[in-house]
């Protein structure tokens, strides 16, 4: 069975493919990710505020063994709200010890808008 063209899953998959082909695999971004464990956050707000519930599943099949990022977060911010919505699919090729290190470093971290 196929999903409608404008279903949340199909829209998330199209955006995930664009991010994987463009931002994630851009040479400059790949060098950046090699320097230290990094989470890439992509602002998708300009795309008619997509439904991010499907983002992790849509992005999950696009990871490649050469990808350096720990995760690629999809983010949207509504003009009606001030808090962003974030979803993070983890890179399945990242070594477990690196994920544990990054998790421990970020535990208790507080982010504030600038």
PDB file of N, CA and C in Angstrom:
ATOM      1  N   UNK A   1       0.848  -1.169   0.000  1.00  0.00           N
ATOM      2  CA  UNK A   1       0.000   0.000   0.000  1.00  0.00           C
ATOM      3  C   UNK A   1       0.897   1.238   0.000  1.00  0.00           C
ATOM      4  N   UNK A   2       0.536   2.234  -0.740  1.00  0.00           N
ATOM      5  CA  UNK A   2       1.341   3.456  -0.781  1.00  0.00           C
ATOM      6  C   UNK A   2       0.648   4.565  -0.006  1.00  0.00           C
ATOM      7  N   UNK A   3       1.459   5.443   0.545  1.00  0.00           N
ATOM      8  CA  UNK A   3       0.941   6.574   1.320  1.00  0.00           C
ATOM      9  C   UNK A   3       0.619   7.724   0.375  1.00  0.00           C
ATOM     10  N   UNK A   4      -0.335   8.582   0.748  1.00  0.00           N
ATOM     11  CA  UNK A   4      -0.618   9.765  -0.070  1.00  0.00           C
ATOM     12  C   UNK A   4       0.626  10.647  -0.175  1.00  0.00           C
ATOM     13  N   UNK A   5       0.756  11.345  -1.299  1.00  0.00           N
ATOM     14  CA  UNK A   5       1.934  12.169  -1.556  1.00  0.00           C
ATOM     15  C   UNK A   5       2.192  13.187  -0.453  1.00  0.00           C
ATOM     16  N   UNK A   6       1.136  13.729   0.146  1.00  0.00           N
ATOM     17  CA  UNK A   6       1.310  14.759   1.171  1.00  0.00           C
ATOM     18  C   UNK A   6       1.185  14.222   2.593  1.00  0.00           C
ATOM     19  N   UNK A   7       1.339  12.913   2.776  1.00  0.00           N
ATOM     20  CA  UNK A   7       1.265  12.348   4.122  1.00  0.00           C
ATOM     21  C   UNK A   7       2.499  12.757   4.920  1.00  0.00           C
ATOM     22  N   UNK A   8       2.405  12.795   6.250  1.00  0.00           N
ATOM     23  CA  UNK A   8       3.566  13.193   7.070  1.00  0.00           C
ATOM     24  C   UNK A   8       4.807  12.349   6.796  1.00  0.00           C
ATOM     25  N   UNK A   9       4.617  11.032   6.602  1.00  0.00           N
ATOM     26  CA  UNK A   9       5.774  10.168   6.377  1.00  0.00           C
ATOM     27  C   UNK A   9       6.454  10.478   5.045  1.00  0.00           C
ATOM     28  N   UNK A  10       5.673  10.646   3.990  1.00  0.00           N
ATOM     29  CA  UNK A  10       6.245  10.930   2.675  1.00  0.00           C
ATOM     30  C   UNK A  10       6.947  12.288   2.679  1.00  0.00           C
ATOM     31  N   UNK A  11       6.349  13.277   3.324  1.00  0.00           N
ATOM     32  CA  UNK A  11       6.967  14.597   3.392  1.00  0.00           C
ATOM     33  C   UNK A  11       8.267  14.550   4.201  1.00  0.00           C
ATOM     34  N   UNK A  12       8.257  13.825   5.323  1.00  0.00           N
ATOM     35  CA  UNK A  12       9.467  13.688   6.141  1.00  0.00           C
ATOM     36  C   UNK A  12      10.555  12.965   5.360  1.00  0.00           C
ATOM     37  N   UNK A  13      10.188  11.951   4.603  1.00  0.00           N
ATOM     38  CA  UNK A  13      11.161  11.203   3.823  1.00  0.00           C
ATOM     39  C   UNK A  13      11.797  12.087   2.755  1.00  0.00           C
ATOM     40  N   UNK A  14      11.011  12.910   2.087  1.00  0.00           N
ATOM     41  CA  UNK A  14      11.559  13.801   1.060  1.00  0.00           C
ATOM     42  C   UNK A  14      12.531  14.806   1.676  1.00  0.00           C
ATOM     43  N   UNK A  15      12.177  15.368   2.825  1.00  0.00           N
ATOM     44  CA  UNK A  15      13.074  16.316   3.493  1.00  0.00           C
ATOM     45  C   UNK A  15      14.334  15.619   3.988  1.00  0.00           C
ATOM     46  N   UNK A  16      14.183  14.413   4.535  1.00  0.00           N
ATOM     47  CA  UNK A  16      15.338  13.664   5.024  1.00  0.00           C
ATOM     48  C   UNK A  16      16.300  13.365   3.881  1.00  0.00           C
ATOM     49  N   UNK A  17      15.782  13.001   2.719  1.00  0.00           N
ATOM     50  CA  UNK A  17      16.638  12.728   1.567  1.00  0.00           C
ATOM     51  C   UNK A  17      17.394  13.980   1.139  1.00  0.00           C
ATOM     52  N   UNK A  18      16.723  15.126   1.154  1.00  0.00           N
ATOM     53  CA  UNK A  18      17.385  16.390   0.814  1.00  0.00           C
ATOM     54  C   UNK A  18      18.505  16.707   1.793  1.00  0.00           C
ATOM     55  N   UNK A  19      18.245  16.514   3.083  1.00  0.00           N
ATOM     56  CA  UNK A  19      19.254  16.793   4.110  1.00  0.00           C
ATOM     57  C   UNK A  19      20.433  15.833   3.978  1.00  0.00           C
ATOM     58  N   UNK A  20      20.140  14.551   3.769  1.00  0.00           N
ATOM     59  CA  UNK A  20      21.214  13.566   3.642  1.00  0.00           C
ATOM     60  C   UNK A  20      22.084  13.850   2.430  1.00  0.00           C
ATOM     61  N   UNK A  21      21.460  14.187   1.321  1.00  0.00           N
ATOM     62  CA  UNK A  21      22.214  14.435   0.086  1.00  0.00           C
ATOM     63  C   UNK A  21      22.959  15.766   0.130  1.00  0.00           C
ATOM     64  N   UNK A  22      22.391  16.733   0.813  1.00  0.00           N
ATOM     65  CA  UNK A  22      22.988  18.065   0.830  1.00  0.00           C
ATOM     66  C   UNK A  22      23.832  18.317   2.053  1.00  0.00           C
ATOM     67  N   UNK A  23      23.206  18.714   3.121  1.00  0.00           N
ATOM     68  CA  UNK A  23      23.907  19.176   4.319  1.00  0.00           C
ATOM     69  C   UNK A  23      24.780  18.087   4.953  1.00  0.00           C
ATOM     70  N   UNK A  24      24.242  16.911   5.157  1.00  0.00           N
ATOM     71  CA  UNK A  24      24.969  15.848   5.862  1.00  0.00           C
ATOM     72  C   UNK A  24      26.236  15.425   5.130  1.00  0.00           C
ATOM     73  N   UNK A  25      26.206  15.414   3.832  1.00  0.00           N
ATOM     74  CA  UNK A  25      27.337  14.902   3.058  1.00  0.00           C
ATOM     75  C   UNK A  25      28.172  16.003   2.410  1.00  0.00           C
ATOM     76  N   UNK A  26      27.906  17.236   2.779  1.00  0.00           N
ATOM     77  CA  UNK A  26      28.699  18.372   2.292  1.00  0.00           C
ATOM     78  C   UNK A  26      30.112  18.247   2.863  1.00  0.00           C
ATOM     79  N   UNK A  27      31.138  18.470   2.053  1.00  0.00           N
ATOM     80  CA  UNK A  27      32.530  18.279   2.482  1.00  0.00           C
ATOM     81  C   UNK A  27      32.878  19.070   3.736  1.00  0.00           C
ATOM     82  N   UNK A  28      32.445  20.319   3.791  1.00  0.00           N
ATOM     83  CA  UNK A  28      32.756  21.168   4.956  1.00  0.00           C
ATOM     84  C   UNK A  28      32.111  20.598   6.219  1.00  0.00           C
ATOM     85  N   UNK A  29      30.892  20.126   6.098  1.00  0.00           N
ATOM     86  CA  UNK A  29      30.190  19.560   7.256  1.00  0.00           C
ATOM     87  C   UNK A  29      30.826  18.236   7.686  1.00  0.00           C
ATOM     88  N   UNK A  30      31.277  17.449   6.739  1.00  0.00           N
ATOM     89  CA  UNK A  30      31.928  16.189   7.082  1.00  0.00           C
ATOM     90  C   UNK A  30      33.223  16.440   7.858  1.00  0.00           C
ATOM     91  N   UNK A  31      33.995  17.468   7.446  1.00  0.00           N
ATOM     92  CA  UNK A  31      35.222  17.815   8.174  1.00  0.00           C
ATOM     93  C   UNK A  31      34.882  18.276   9.591  1.00  0.00           C
ATOM     94  N   UNK A  32      33.834  19.065   9.707  1.00  0.00           N
ATOM     95  CA  UNK A  32      33.404  19.557  11.016  1.00  0.00           C
ATOM     96  C   UNK A  32      33.069  18.395  11.947  1.00  0.00           C
ATOM     97  N   UNK A  33      32.354  17.414  11.441  1.00  0.00           N
ATOM     98  CA  UNK A  33      31.930  16.282  12.267  1.00  0.00           C
ATOM     99  C   UNK A  33      33.092  15.391  12.671  1.00  0.00           C
ATOM    100  N   UNK A  34      34.158  15.387  11.905  1.00  0.00           N
ATOM    101  CA  UNK A  34      35.322  14.556  12.245  1.00  0.00           C
ATOM    102  C   UNK A  34      36.126  15.129  13.405  1.00  0.00           C
ATOM    103  N   UNK A  35      36.005  16.428  13.654  1.00  0.00           N
ATOM    104  CA  UNK A  35      36.795  17.064  14.705  1.00  0.00           C
ATOM    105  C   UNK A  35      36.382  16.618  16.102  1.00  0.00           C
ATOM    106  N   UNK A  36      35.105  16.437  16.312  1.00  0.00           N
ATOM    107  CA  UNK A  36      34.604  15.974  17.604  1.00  0.00           C
ATOM    108  C   UNK A  36      33.189  15.451  17.420  1.00  0.00           C
ATOM    109  N   UNK A  37      32.705  14.627  18.341  1.00  0.00           N
ATOM    110  CA  UNK A  37      31.331  14.128  18.222  1.00  0.00           C
ATOM    111  C   UNK A  37      30.353  15.300  18.141  1.00  0.00           C
ATOM    112  N   UNK A  38      29.522  15.284  17.111  1.00  0.00           N
ATOM    113  CA  UNK A  38      28.657  16.418  16.820  1.00  0.00           C
ATOM    114  C   UNK A  38      27.252  15.961  16.473  1.00  0.00           C
ATOM    115  N   UNK A  39      26.277  16.746  16.910  1.00  0.00           N
ATOM    116  CA  UNK A  39      24.885  16.561  16.497  1.00  0.00           C
ATOM    117  C   UNK A  39      24.563  17.707  15.547  1.00  0.00           C
ATOM    118  N   UNK A  40      24.139  17.373  14.360  1.00  0.00           N
ATOM    119  CA  UNK A  40      23.755  18.371  13.365  1.00  0.00           C
ATOM    120  C   UNK A  40      22.261  18.646  13.527  1.00  0.00           C
ATOM    121  N   UNK A  41      21.899  19.915  13.667  1.00  0.00           N
ATOM    122  CA  UNK A  41      20.488  20.295  13.760  1.00  0.00           C
ATOM    123  C   UNK A  41      20.147  21.101  12.521  1.00  0.00           C
ATOM    124  N   UNK A  42      19.141  20.640  11.798  1.00  0.00           N
ATOM    125  CA  UNK A  42      18.716  21.277  10.564  1.00  0.00           C
ATOM    126  C   UNK A  42      17.366  21.951  10.801  1.00  0.00           C
ATOM    127  N   UNK A  43      17.311  23.251  10.551  1.00  0.00           N
ATOM    128  CA  UNK A  43      16.066  24.007  10.716  1.00  0.00           C
ATOM    129  C   UNK A  43      15.183  23.765   9.494  1.00  0.00           C
ATOM    130  N   UNK A  44      14.065  23.105   9.710  1.00  0.00           N
ATOM    131  CA  UNK A  44      13.139  22.770   8.635  1.00  0.00           C
ATOM    132  C   UNK A  44      11.911  23.671   8.640  1.00  0.00           C
ATOM    133  N   UNK A  45      11.978  24.757   9.386  1.00  0.00           N
ATOM    134  CA  UNK A  45      10.825  25.645   9.544  1.00  0.00           C
ATOM    135  C   UNK A  45      10.351  26.254   8.234  1.00  0.00           C
ATOM    136  N   UNK A  46      11.213  26.442   7.285  1.00  0.00           N
ATOM    137  CA  UNK A  46      10.826  27.040   6.019  1.00  0.00           C
ATOM    138  C   UNK A  46      10.100  26.088   5.090  1.00  0.00           C
ATOM    139  N   UNK A  47       9.843  24.878   5.539  1.00  0.00           N
ATOM    140  CA  UNK A  47       9.201  23.856   4.708  1.00  0.00           C
ATOM    141  C   UNK A  47       7.771  23.590   5.136  1.00  0.00           C
ATOM    142  N   UNK A  48       6.980  24.625   5.304  1.00  0.00           N
ATOM    143  CA  UNK A  48       5.574  24.498   5.705  1.00  0.00           C
ATOM    144  C   UNK A  48       5.403  23.737   7.013  1.00  0.00           C
ATOM    145  N   UNK A  49       6.309  23.969   7.946  1.00  0.00           N
ATOM    146  CA  UNK A  49       6.285  23.331   9.269  1.00  0.00           C
ATOM    147  C   UNK A  49       5.916  21.853   9.190  1.00  0.00           C
ATOM    148  N   UNK A  50       6.836  21.040   8.731  1.00  0.00           N
ATOM    149  CA  UNK A  50       6.559  19.608   8.575  1.00  0.00           C
ATOM    150  C   UNK A  50       6.272  18.930   9.911  1.00  0.00           C
ATOM    151  N   UNK A  51       5.562  17.842   9.831  1.00  0.00           N
ATOM    152  CA  UNK A  51       5.272  17.012  10.992  1.00  0.00           C
ATOM    153  C   UNK A  51       6.516  16.172  11.260  1.00  0.00           C
ATOM    154  N   UNK A  52       7.203  16.442  12.348  1.00  0.00           N
ATOM    155  CA  UNK A  52       8.469  15.765  12.630  1.00  0.00           C
ATOM    156  C   UNK A  52       8.315  14.412  13.313  1.00  0.00           C
ATOM    157  N   UNK A  53       7.089  13.990  13.561  1.00  0.00           N
ATOM    158  CA  UNK A  53       6.916  12.686  14.216  1.00  0.00           C
ATOM    159  C   UNK A  53       7.553  11.562  13.408  1.00  0.00           C
ATOM    160  N   UNK A  54       7.626  11.715  12.099  1.00  0.00           N
ATOM    161  CA  UNK A  54       8.180  10.673  11.233  1.00  0.00           C
ATOM    162  C   UNK A  54       9.657  10.885  10.910  1.00  0.00           C
ATOM    163  N   UNK A  55      10.261  11.972  11.402  1.00  0.00           N
ATOM    164  CA  UNK A  55      11.643  12.294  11.049  1.00  0.00           C
ATOM    165  C   UNK A  55      12.632  11.169  11.381  1.00  0.00           C
ATOM    166  N   UNK A  56      12.638  10.622  12.603  1.00  0.00           N
ATOM    167  CA  UNK A  56      13.626   9.568  12.900  1.00  0.00           C
ATOM    168  C   UNK A  56      13.493   8.345  11.990  1.00  0.00           C
ATOM    169  N   UNK A  57      12.278   7.909  11.723  1.00  0.00           N
ATOM    170  CA  UNK A  57      12.080   6.746  10.866  1.00  0.00           C
ATOM    171  C   UNK A  57      12.458   7.056   9.426  1.00  0.00           C
ATOM    172  N   UNK A  58      12.097   8.241   8.964  1.00  0.00           N
ATOM    173  CA  UNK A  58      12.405   8.620   7.580  1.00  0.00           C
ATOM    174  C   UNK A  58      13.908   8.731   7.369  1.00  0.00           C
ATOM    175  N   UNK A  59      14.628   9.260   8.345  1.00  0.00           N
ATOM    176  CA  UNK A  59      16.065   9.442   8.198  1.00  0.00           C
ATOM    177  C   UNK A  59      16.827   8.153   8.464  1.00  0.00           C
ATOM    178  N   UNK A  60      16.246   7.257   9.224  1.00  0.00           N
ATOM    179  CA  UNK A  60      16.943   6.049   9.662  1.00  0.00           C
ATOM    180  C   UNK A  60      17.589   5.238   8.560  1.00  0.00           C
ATOM    181  N   UNK A  61      16.926   5.093   7.429  1.00  0.00           N
ATOM    182  CA  UNK A  61      17.460   4.263   6.345  1.00  0.00           C
ATOM    183  C   UNK A  61      18.487   5.003   5.488  1.00  0.00           C
ATOM    184  N   UNK A  62      18.687   6.290   5.734  1.00  0.00           N
ATOM    185  CA  UNK A  62      19.589   7.093   4.903  1.00  0.00           C
ATOM    186  C   UNK A  62      21.015   7.180   5.437  1.00  0.00           C
ATOM    187  N   UNK A  63      21.233   6.682   6.672  1.00  0.00           N
ATOM    188  CA  UNK A  63      22.585   6.727   7.239  1.00  0.00           C
ATOM    189  C   UNK A  63      23.526   5.844   6.434  1.00  0.00           C
ATOM    190  N   UNK A  64      24.773   6.294   6.292  1.00  0.00           N
ATOM    191  CA  UNK A  64      25.815   5.509   5.624  1.00  0.00           C
ATOM    192  C   UNK A  64      26.976   5.333   6.601  1.00  0.00           C
ATOM    193  N   UNK A  65      27.745   4.256   6.459  1.00  0.00           N
ATOM    194  CA  UNK A  65      28.849   4.011   7.394  1.00  0.00           C
ATOM    195  C   UNK A  65      29.857   5.156   7.484  1.00  0.00           C
ATOM    196  N   UNK A  66      29.998   5.966   6.439  1.00  0.00           N
ATOM    197  CA  UNK A  66      30.962   7.067   6.434  1.00  0.00           C
ATOM    198  C   UNK A  66      30.443   8.311   7.149  1.00  0.00           C
ATOM    199  N   UNK A  67      29.172   8.361   7.494  1.00  0.00           N
ATOM    200  CA  UNK A  67      28.598   9.538   8.153  1.00  0.00           C
ATOM    201  C   UNK A  67      29.200   9.697   9.540  1.00  0.00           C
ATOM    202  N   UNK A  68      29.639  10.900   9.852  1.00  0.00           N
ATOM    203  CA  UNK A  68      30.364  11.174  11.090  1.00  0.00           C
ATOM    204  C   UNK A  68      29.486  11.713  12.215  1.00  0.00           C
ATOM    205  N   UNK A  69      28.347  12.290  11.892  1.00  0.00           N
ATOM    206  CA  UNK A  69      27.522  12.914  12.933  1.00  0.00           C
ATOM    207  C   UNK A  69      26.911  11.864  13.853  1.00  0.00           C
ATOM    208  N   UNK A  70      26.736  12.229  15.127  1.00  0.00           N
ATOM    209  CA  UNK A  70      26.079  11.343  16.084  1.00  0.00           C
ATOM    210  C   UNK A  70      24.591  11.241  15.778  1.00  0.00           C
ATOM    211  N   UNK A  71      24.014  12.361  15.342  1.00  0.00           N
ATOM    212  CA  UNK A  71      22.584  12.419  15.041  1.00  0.00           C
ATOM    213  C   UNK A  71      22.336  13.614  14.132  1.00  0.00           C
ATOM    214  N   UNK A  72      21.217  13.580  13.433  1.00  0.00           N
ATOM    215  CA  UNK A  72      20.791  14.715  12.620  1.00  0.00           C
ATOM    216  C   UNK A  72      19.405  15.099  13.111  1.00  0.00           C
ATOM    217  N   UNK A  73      19.359  16.205  13.829  1.00  0.00           N
ATOM    218  CA  UNK A  73      18.098  16.667  14.386  1.00  0.00           C
ATOM    219  C   UNK A  73      17.320  17.498  13.392  1.00  0.00           C
ATOM    220  N   UNK A  74      16.057  17.178  13.255  1.00  0.00           N
ATOM    221  CA  UNK A  74      15.152  18.019  12.490  1.00  0.00           C
ATOM    222  C   UNK A  74      14.481  18.973  13.470  1.00  0.00           C
ATOM    223  N   UNK A  75      14.410  20.247  13.125  1.00  0.00           N
ATOM    224  CA  UNK A  75      13.841  21.243  14.028  1.00  0.00           C
ATOM    225  C   UNK A  75      12.842  22.111  13.267  1.00  0.00           C
ATOM    226  N   UNK A  76      11.725  22.405  13.928  1.00  0.00           N
ATOM    227  CA  UNK A  76      10.778  23.388  13.412  1.00  0.00           C
ATOM    228  C   UNK A  76      10.410  24.341  14.536  1.00  0.00           C
ATOM    229  N   UNK A  77      10.122  25.576  14.156  1.00  0.00           N
ATOM    230  CA  UNK A  77       9.679  26.581  15.118  1.00  0.00           C
ATOM    231  C   UNK A  77       8.459  27.259  14.514  1.00  0.00           C
ATOM    232  N   UNK A  78       7.373  27.217  15.237  1.00  0.00           N
ATOM    233  CA  UNK A  78       6.138  27.848  14.785  1.00  0.00           C
ATOM    234  C   UNK A  78       6.165  29.339  15.116  1.00  0.00           C
ATOM    235  N   UNK A  79       5.495  30.134  14.306  1.00  0.00           N
ATOM    236  CA  UNK A  79       5.415  31.566  14.613  1.00  0.00           C
ATOM    237  C   UNK A  79       4.499  31.805  15.807  1.00  0.00           C
ATOM    238  N   UNK A  80       3.670  30.824  16.141  1.00  0.00           N
ATOM    239  CA  UNK A  80       2.766  30.954  17.293  1.00  0.00           C
ATOM    240  C   UNK A  80       3.426  30.550  18.605  1.00  0.00           C
ATOM    241  N   UNK A  81       4.467  29.771  18.530  1.00  0.00           N
ATOM    242  CA  UNK A  81       5.154  29.318  19.736  1.00  0.00           C
ATOM    243  C   UNK A  81       6.612  29.707  19.687  1.00  0.00           C
ATOM    244  N   UNK A  82       7.234  29.726  20.821  1.00  0.00           N
ATOM    245  CA  UNK A  82       8.649  30.115  20.863  1.00  0.00           C
ATOM    246  C   UNK A  82       9.576  28.931  21.079  1.00  0.00           C
ATOM    247  N   UNK A  83       9.024  27.774  21.394  1.00  0.00           N
ATOM    248  CA  UNK A  83       9.860  26.615  21.664  1.00  0.00           C
ATOM    249  C   UNK A  83       9.941  25.735  20.430  1.00  0.00           C
ATOM    250  N   UNK A  84      11.145  25.372  20.035  1.00  0.00           N
ATOM    251  CA  UNK A  84      11.295  24.530  18.848  1.00  0.00           C
ATOM    252  C   UNK A  84      10.879  23.090  19.127  1.00  0.00           C
ATOM    253  N   UNK A  85      10.460  22.413  18.087  1.00  0.00           N
ATOM    254  CA  UNK A  85      10.219  20.979  18.156  1.00  0.00           C
ATOM    255  C   UNK A  85      11.433  20.313  17.530  1.00  0.00           C
ATOM    256  N   UNK A  86      12.004  19.330  18.220  1.00  0.00           N
ATOM    257  CA  UNK A  86      13.207  18.649  17.744  1.00  0.00           C
ATOM    258  C   UNK A  86      12.995  17.146  17.758  1.00  0.00           C
ATOM    259  N   UNK A  87      13.521  16.472  16.744  1.00  0.00           N
ATOM    260  CA  UNK A  87      13.553  15.007  16.692  1.00  0.00           C
ATOM    261  C   UNK A  87      14.928  14.597  16.199  1.00  0.00           C
ATOM    262  N   UNK A  88      15.526  13.595  16.840  1.00  0.00           N
ATOM    263  CA  UNK A  88      16.901  13.195  16.552  1.00  0.00           C
ATOM    264  C   UNK A  88      17.013  11.712  16.232  1.00  0.00           C
ATOM    265  N   UNK A  89      17.232  11.347  14.985  1.00  0.00           N
ATOM    266  CA  UNK A  89      17.582   9.955  14.707  1.00  0.00           C
ATOM    267  C   UNK A  89      19.087   9.769  14.946  1.00  0.00           C
ATOM    268  N   UNK A  90      19.457   8.772  15.734  1.00  0.00           N
ATOM    269  CA  UNK A  90      20.867   8.507  16.017  1.00  0.00           C
ATOM    270  C   UNK A  90      21.518   7.766  14.861  1.00  0.00           C
ATOM    271  N   UNK A  91      22.795   8.042  14.661  1.00  0.00           N
ATOM    272  CA  UNK A  91      23.569   7.367  13.630  1.00  0.00           C
ATOM    273  C   UNK A  91      23.859   5.936  14.103  1.00  0.00           C
ATOM    274  N   UNK A  92      23.321   4.921  13.411  1.00  0.00           N
ATOM    275  CA  UNK A  92      23.527   3.536  13.862  1.00  0.00           C
ATOM    276  C   UNK A  92      24.965   3.044  13.672  1.00  0.00           C
ATOM    277  N   UNK A  93      25.783   3.799  12.945  1.00  0.00           N
ATOM    278  CA  UNK A  93      27.165   3.393  12.701  1.00  0.00           C
ATOM    279  C   UNK A  93      28.152   3.992  13.708  1.00  0.00           C
ATOM    280  N   UNK A  94      27.664   4.838  14.599  1.00  0.00           N
ATOM    281  CA  UNK A  94      28.527   5.440  15.608  1.00  0.00           C
ATOM    282  C   UNK A  94      28.852   4.409  16.678  1.00  0.00           C
ATOM    283  N   UNK A  95      30.099   4.398  17.091  1.00  0.00           N
ATOM    284  CA  UNK A  95      30.513   3.460  18.137  1.00  0.00           C
ATOM    285  C   UNK A  95      29.771   3.764  19.429  1.00  0.00           C
ATOM    286  N   UNK A  96      29.394   2.738  20.136  1.00  0.00           N
ATOM    287  CA  UNK A  96      28.628   2.895  21.375  1.00  0.00           C
ATOM    288  C   UNK A  96      29.368   3.748  22.408  1.00  0.00           C
ATOM    289  N   UNK A  97      30.669   3.578  22.518  1.00  0.00           N
ATOM    290  CA  UNK A  97      31.432   4.349  23.517  1.00  0.00           C
ATOM    291  C   UNK A  97      31.389   5.843  23.205  1.00  0.00           C
ATOM    292  N   UNK A  98      31.351   6.217  21.925  1.00  0.00           N
ATOM    293  CA  UNK A  98      31.271   7.630  21.542  1.00  0.00           C
ATOM    294  C   UNK A  98      29.898   8.179  21.909  1.00  0.00           C
ATOM    295  N   UNK A  99      28.836   7.411  21.650  1.00  0.00           N
ATOM    296  CA  UNK A  99      27.490   7.845  22.031  1.00  0.00           C
ATOM    297  C   UNK A  99      27.378   8.008  23.548  1.00  0.00           C
ATOM    298  N   UNK A 100      27.960   7.086  24.297  1.00  0.00           N
ATOM    299  CA  UNK A 100      27.924   7.186  25.759  1.00  0.00           C
ATOM    300  C   UNK A 100      28.684   8.417  26.236  1.00  0.00           C
ATOM    301  N   UNK A 101      29.836   8.689  25.635  1.00  0.00           N
ATOM    302  CA  UNK A 101      30.616   9.872  25.999  1.00  0.00           C
ATOM    303  C   UNK A 101      29.804  11.135  25.741  1.00  0.00           C
ATOM    304  N   UNK A 102      29.194  11.230  24.575  1.00  0.00           N
ATOM    305  CA  UNK A 102      28.418  12.419  24.221  1.00  0.00           C
ATOM    306  C   UNK A 102      27.201  12.573  25.122  1.00  0.00           C
ATOM    307  N   UNK A 103      26.551  11.488  25.444  1.00  0.00           N
ATOM    308  CA  UNK A 103      25.390  11.535  26.333  1.00  0.00           C
ATOM    309  C   UNK A 103      25.797  12.023  27.716  1.00  0.00           C
ATOM    310  N   UNK A 104      26.896  11.504  28.226  1.00  0.00           N
ATOM    311  CA  UNK A 104      27.359  11.928  29.547  1.00  0.00           C
ATOM    312  C   UNK A 104      27.762  13.394  29.557  1.00  0.00           C
ATOM    313  N   UNK A 105      28.371  13.881  28.481  1.00  0.00           N
ATOM    314  CA  UNK A 105      28.787  15.288  28.392  1.00  0.00           C
ATOM    315  C   UNK A 105      27.584  16.232  28.322  1.00  0.00           C
ATOM    316  N   UNK A 106      26.516  15.782  27.680  1.00  0.00           N
ATOM    317  CA  UNK A 106      25.354  16.662  27.502  1.00  0.00           C
ATOM    318  C   UNK A 106      24.353  16.575  28.658  1.00  0.00           C
ATOM    319  N   UNK A 107      24.493  15.599  29.510  1.00  0.00           N
ATOM    320  CA  UNK A 107      23.566  15.445  30.634  1.00  0.00           C
ATOM    321  C   UNK A 107      23.689  16.662  31.551  1.00  0.00           C
ATOM    322  N   UNK A 108      22.589  17.300  31.781  1.00  0.00           N
ATOM    323  CA  UNK A 108      22.580  18.460  32.652  1.00  0.00           C
ATOM    324  C   UNK A 108      22.915  19.764  31.956  1.00  0.00           C
ATOM    325  N   UNK A 109      23.209  19.688  30.649  1.00  0.00           N
ATOM    326  CA  UNK A 109      23.529  20.917  29.911  1.00  0.00           C
ATOM    327  C   UNK A 109      22.266  21.744  29.734  1.00  0.00           C
ATOM    328  N   UNK A 110      22.423  23.022  29.827  1.00  0.00           N
ATOM    329  CA  UNK A 110      21.292  23.925  29.672  1.00  0.00           C
ATOM    330  C   UNK A 110      21.562  24.820  28.458  1.00  0.00           C
ATOM    331  N   UNK A 111      20.597  24.882  27.572  1.00  0.00           N
ATOM    332  CA  UNK A 111      20.729  25.744  26.394  1.00  0.00           C
ATOM    333  C   UNK A 111      19.807  26.937  26.588  1.00  0.00           C
ATOM    334  N   UNK A 112      20.306  28.095  26.282  1.00  0.00           N
ATOM    335  CA  UNK A 112      19.468  29.277  26.371  1.00  0.00           C
ATOM    336  C   UNK A 112      19.542  30.037  25.060  1.00  0.00           C
ATOM    337  N   UNK A 113      18.430  30.610  24.627  1.00  0.00           N
ATOM    338  CA  UNK A 113      18.450  31.368  23.385  1.00  0.00           C
ATOM    339  C   UNK A 113      19.316  32.612  23.501  1.00  0.00           C
ATOM    340  N   UNK A 114      19.964  32.972  22.406  1.00  0.00           N
ATOM    341  CA  UNK A 114      20.816  34.162  22.410  1.00  0.00           C
ATOM    342  C   UNK A 114      20.224  35.242  21.545  1.00  0.00           C
TER     343      UNK A 114
END
